[in-house]
Amino acid sequence: MKIAIIGASKDRTKYSNKAVRAYKQMDHVVFPVNPHEKEIEGLICYTNVQEIPLEVDLASIYLPPEIGIKLIDDLIKKGIKKVCLNPGSESEELVNKLRIYGMEVILSCSIKAIGLNPSDF
């Protein structure tokens, strides 16, 4: 699977960094997205999902919902059909808007979704 970790952090204590490492460990193609970083965990970090050179199967969001709402147009333009809203990134408004645009919304920790425990990272 090709996954964009939106809001990825260099801080190894942050769940967004743990997600990068977890998906790498499971041999997924990982695209960290953070406009303030050049690389995270040895991977090129993208300013936004539009810069990612390949199709993306899943966007995992680690940002507050008011920022997530501002990303919807980029997700649509990139053709992303599945979005994981990690704890703290969800809101009723964001979920409803994503669903209006036909996106599958997963309300769960994206690390647990692949059968791993965040505390292992």
C-alpha atoms as a PDB file:
ATOM      1  CA  MET A   1       0.000   0.000   0.000  1.00  0.00           C
ATOM      2  CA  LYS A   2       1.069   3.574  -0.661  1.00  0.00           C
ATOM      3  CA  ILE A   3       0.287   5.801   2.319  1.00  0.00           C
ATOM      4  CA  ALA A   4       0.657   9.529   2.922  1.00  0.00           C
ATOM      5  CA  ILE A   5       1.247  10.395   6.579  1.00  0.00           C
ATOM      6  CA  ILE A   6      -0.066  13.963   6.719  1.00  0.00           C
ATOM      7  CA  GLY A   7       1.372  15.898   9.617  1.00  0.00           C
ATOM      8  CA  ALA A   8       4.389  13.599   9.911  1.00  0.00           C
ATOM      9  CA  SER A   9       6.918  14.681  12.521  1.00  0.00           C
ATOM     10  CA  LYS A  10      10.630  14.177  13.114  1.00  0.00           C
ATOM     11  CA  ASP A  11       9.852  13.844  16.825  1.00  0.00           C
ATOM     12  CA  ARG A  12      10.009  10.105  17.474  1.00  0.00           C
ATOM     13  CA  THR A  13       7.607  10.420  20.436  1.00  0.00           C
ATOM     14  CA  LYS A  14       4.807  11.717  18.184  1.00  0.00           C
ATOM     15  CA  TYR A  15       2.298   9.247  16.796  1.00  0.00           C
ATOM     16  CA  SER A  16       2.765  10.640  13.293  1.00  0.00           C
ATOM     17  CA  ASN A  17       6.436   9.626  13.425  1.00  0.00           C
ATOM     18  CA  LYS A  18       5.522   6.236  14.898  1.00  0.00           C
ATOM     19  CA  ALA A  19       3.141   5.751  11.955  1.00  0.00           C
ATOM     20  CA  VAL A  20       5.938   6.449   9.460  1.00  0.00           C
ATOM     21  CA  ARG A  21       8.119   3.833  11.164  1.00  0.00           C
ATOM     22  CA  ALA A  22       5.288   1.309  11.554  1.00  0.00           C
ATOM     23  CA  TYR A  23       4.281   1.430   7.895  1.00  0.00           C
ATOM     24  CA  LYS A  24       7.938   1.297   6.789  1.00  0.00           C
ATOM     25  CA  GLN A  25       8.424  -1.762   8.991  1.00  0.00           C
ATOM     26  CA  MET A  26       5.476  -3.446   7.257  1.00  0.00           C
ATOM     27  CA  ASP A  27       7.048  -2.663   3.839  1.00  0.00           C
ATOM     28  CA  HIS A  28       4.437  -0.140   2.742  1.00  0.00           C
ATOM     29  CA  VAL A  29       5.450   2.784   0.533  1.00  0.00           C
ATOM     30  CA  VAL A  30       5.391   5.746   2.924  1.00  0.00           C
ATOM     31  CA  PHE A  31       5.174   9.413   2.000  1.00  0.00           C
ATOM     32  CA  PRO A  32       5.614  11.759   4.973  1.00  0.00           C
ATOM     33  CA  VAL A  33       3.857  15.097   4.417  1.00  0.00           C
ATOM     34  CA  ASN A  34       4.952  18.175   6.360  1.00  0.00           C
ATOM     35  CA  PRO A  35       5.712  21.567   4.769  1.00  0.00           C
ATOM     36  CA  HIS A  36       8.370  22.301   7.416  1.00  0.00           C
ATOM     37  CA  GLU A  37      10.588  19.224   6.926  1.00  0.00           C
ATOM     38  CA  LYS A  38      12.818  17.929   4.119  1.00  0.00           C
ATOM     39  CA  GLU A  39      13.095  14.328   5.358  1.00  0.00           C
ATOM     40  CA  ILE A  40      11.643  12.151   8.077  1.00  0.00           C
ATOM     41  CA  GLU A  41      13.024   8.757   9.057  1.00  0.00           C
ATOM     42  CA  GLY A  42      15.200   8.706   5.947  1.00  0.00           C
ATOM     43  CA  LEU A  43      12.285   9.421   3.597  1.00  0.00           C
ATOM     44  CA  ILE A  44      11.726  12.490   1.445  1.00  0.00           C
ATOM     45  CA  CYS A  45       9.121  14.675   3.105  1.00  0.00           C
ATOM     46  CA  TYR A  46       6.589  16.338   0.836  1.00  0.00           C
ATOM     47  CA  THR A  47       5.064  19.780   1.322  1.00  0.00           C
ATOM     48  CA  ASN A  48       1.610  18.510   0.342  1.00  0.00           C
ATOM     49  CA  VAL A  49       0.013  15.382  -1.124  1.00  0.00           C
ATOM     50  CA  GLN A  50      -0.014  16.889  -4.621  1.00  0.00           C
ATOM     51  CA  GLU A  51       3.810  16.681  -4.720  1.00  0.00           C
ATOM     52  CA  ILE A  52       3.833  12.912  -4.168  1.00  0.00           C
ATOM     53  CA  PRO A  53       4.965  11.359  -7.475  1.00  0.00           C
ATOM     54  CA  LEU A  54       2.814   8.206  -7.215  1.00  0.00           C
ATOM     55  CA  GLU A  55      -0.831   7.407  -6.564  1.00  0.00           C
ATOM     56  CA  VAL A  56      -1.736   7.246  -2.889  1.00  0.00           C
ATOM     57  CA  ASP A  57      -4.019   4.506  -1.535  1.00  0.00           C
ATOM     58  CA  LEU A  58      -4.533   5.959   1.935  1.00  0.00           C
ATOM     59  CA  ALA A  59      -4.020   9.331   3.596  1.00  0.00           C
ATOM     60  CA  SER A  60      -3.507   9.130   7.347  1.00  0.00           C
ATOM     61  CA  ILE A  61      -4.101  12.502   8.971  1.00  0.00           C
ATOM     62  CA  TYR A  62      -2.390  13.634  12.192  1.00  0.00           C
ATOM     63  CA  LEU A  63      -3.561  17.251  12.250  1.00  0.00           C
ATOM     64  CA  PRO A  64      -6.381  19.117  14.012  1.00  0.00           C
ATOM     65  CA  PRO A  65      -9.705  18.903  12.135  1.00  0.00           C
ATOM     66  CA  GLU A  66      -9.719  22.621  11.273  1.00  0.00           C
ATOM     67  CA  ILE A  67      -6.516  22.032   9.300  1.00  0.00           C
ATOM     68  CA  GLY A  68      -7.758  18.721   7.871  1.00  0.00           C
ATOM     69  CA  ILE A  69     -10.740  20.495   6.333  1.00  0.00           C
ATOM     70  CA  LYS A  70      -8.366  22.783   4.440  1.00  0.00           C
ATOM     71  CA  LEU A  71      -6.682  19.707   2.897  1.00  0.00           C
ATOM     72  CA  ILE A  72      -9.787  18.221   1.307  1.00  0.00           C
ATOM     73  CA  ASP A  73      -9.244  19.860  -2.103  1.00  0.00           C
ATOM     74  CA  ASP A  74      -5.684  18.490  -2.266  1.00  0.00           C
ATOM     75  CA  LEU A  75      -6.914  14.997  -1.350  1.00  0.00           C
ATOM     76  CA  ILE A  76      -9.558  15.161  -4.079  1.00  0.00           C
ATOM     77  CA  LYS A  77      -7.103  16.438  -6.714  1.00  0.00           C
ATOM     78  CA  LYS A  78      -4.667  13.654  -5.796  1.00  0.00           C
ATOM     79  CA  GLY A  79      -7.435  11.083  -6.232  1.00  0.00           C
ATOM     80  CA  ILE A  80      -7.202   9.741  -2.692  1.00  0.00           C
ATOM     81  CA  LYS A  81     -10.278   7.667  -1.898  1.00  0.00           C
ATOM     82  CA  LYS A  82      -9.511   6.500   1.657  1.00  0.00           C
ATOM     83  CA  VAL A  83      -8.667   8.700   4.642  1.00  0.00           C
ATOM     84  CA  CYS A  84      -7.756   7.630   8.163  1.00  0.00           C
ATOM     85  CA  LEU A  85      -8.536  10.221  10.821  1.00  0.00           C
ATOM     86  CA  ASN A  86      -6.406   9.427  13.838  1.00  0.00           C
ATOM     87  CA  PRO A  87      -7.613  10.292  17.356  1.00  0.00           C
ATOM     88  CA  GLY A  88      -7.741  14.073  17.723  1.00  0.00           C
ATOM     89  CA  SER A  89      -7.897  14.741  13.988  1.00  0.00           C
ATOM     90  CA  GLU A  90     -11.575  13.981  13.553  1.00  0.00           C
ATOM     91  CA  SER A  91     -14.648  16.177  13.689  1.00  0.00           C
ATOM     92  CA  GLU A  92     -18.198  15.658  12.522  1.00  0.00           C
ATOM     93  CA  GLU A  93     -17.770  18.419   9.943  1.00  0.00           C
ATOM     94  CA  LEU A  94     -14.580  16.894   8.520  1.00  0.00           C
ATOM     95  CA  VAL A  95     -16.037  13.382   8.382  1.00  0.00           C
ATOM     96  CA  ASN A  96     -19.185  14.639   6.652  1.00  0.00           C
ATOM     97  CA  LYS A  97     -17.245  16.666   4.070  1.00  0.00           C
ATOM     98  CA  LEU A  98     -14.953  13.752   3.234  1.00  0.00           C
ATOM     99  CA  ARG A  99     -17.943  11.443   2.801  1.00  0.00           C
ATOM    100  CA  ILE A 100     -19.752  13.992   0.611  1.00  0.00           C
ATOM    101  CA  TYR A 101     -16.798  13.733  -1.778  1.00  0.00           C
ATOM    102  CA  GLY A 102     -17.046   9.942  -1.791  1.00  0.00           C
ATOM    103  CA  MET A 103     -14.070   9.193   0.410  1.00  0.00           C
ATOM    104  CA  GLU A 104     -13.995   6.221   2.728  1.00  0.00           C
ATOM    105  CA  VAL A 105     -13.331   7.511   6.243  1.00  0.00           C
ATOM    106  CA  ILE A 106     -11.602   5.372   8.861  1.00  0.00           C
ATOM    107  CA  LEU A 107     -11.892   6.648  12.422  1.00  0.00           C
ATOM    108  CA  SER A 108      -9.052   4.773  14.052  1.00  0.00           C
ATOM    109  CA  CYS A 109      -5.382   4.837  14.878  1.00  0.00           C
ATOM    110  CA  SER A 110      -3.712   4.008  11.582  1.00  0.00           C
ATOM    111  CA  ILE A 111      -0.947   2.103  13.398  1.00  0.00           C
ATOM    112  CA  LYS A 112      -3.456  -0.207  15.080  1.00  0.00           C
ATOM    113  CA  ALA A 113      -5.213  -0.602  11.722  1.00  0.00           C
ATOM    114  CA  ILE A 114      -2.215  -2.598  10.461  1.00  0.00           C
ATOM    115  CA  GLY A 115      -2.106  -4.727  13.585  1.00  0.00           C
ATOM    116  CA  LEU A 116       0.724  -2.947  15.387  1.00  0.00           C
ATOM    117  CA  ASN A 117       0.871  -1.238  18.755  1.00  0.00           C
ATOM    118  CA  PRO A 118       2.028   2.404  18.847  1.00  0.00           C
ATOM    119  CA  SER A 119       3.840   1.778  22.116  1.00  0.00           C
ATOM    120  CA  ASP A 120       6.204  -0.575  20.251  1.00  0.00           C
ATOM    121  CA  PHE A 121       7.667   2.410  18.399  1.00  0.00           C
END
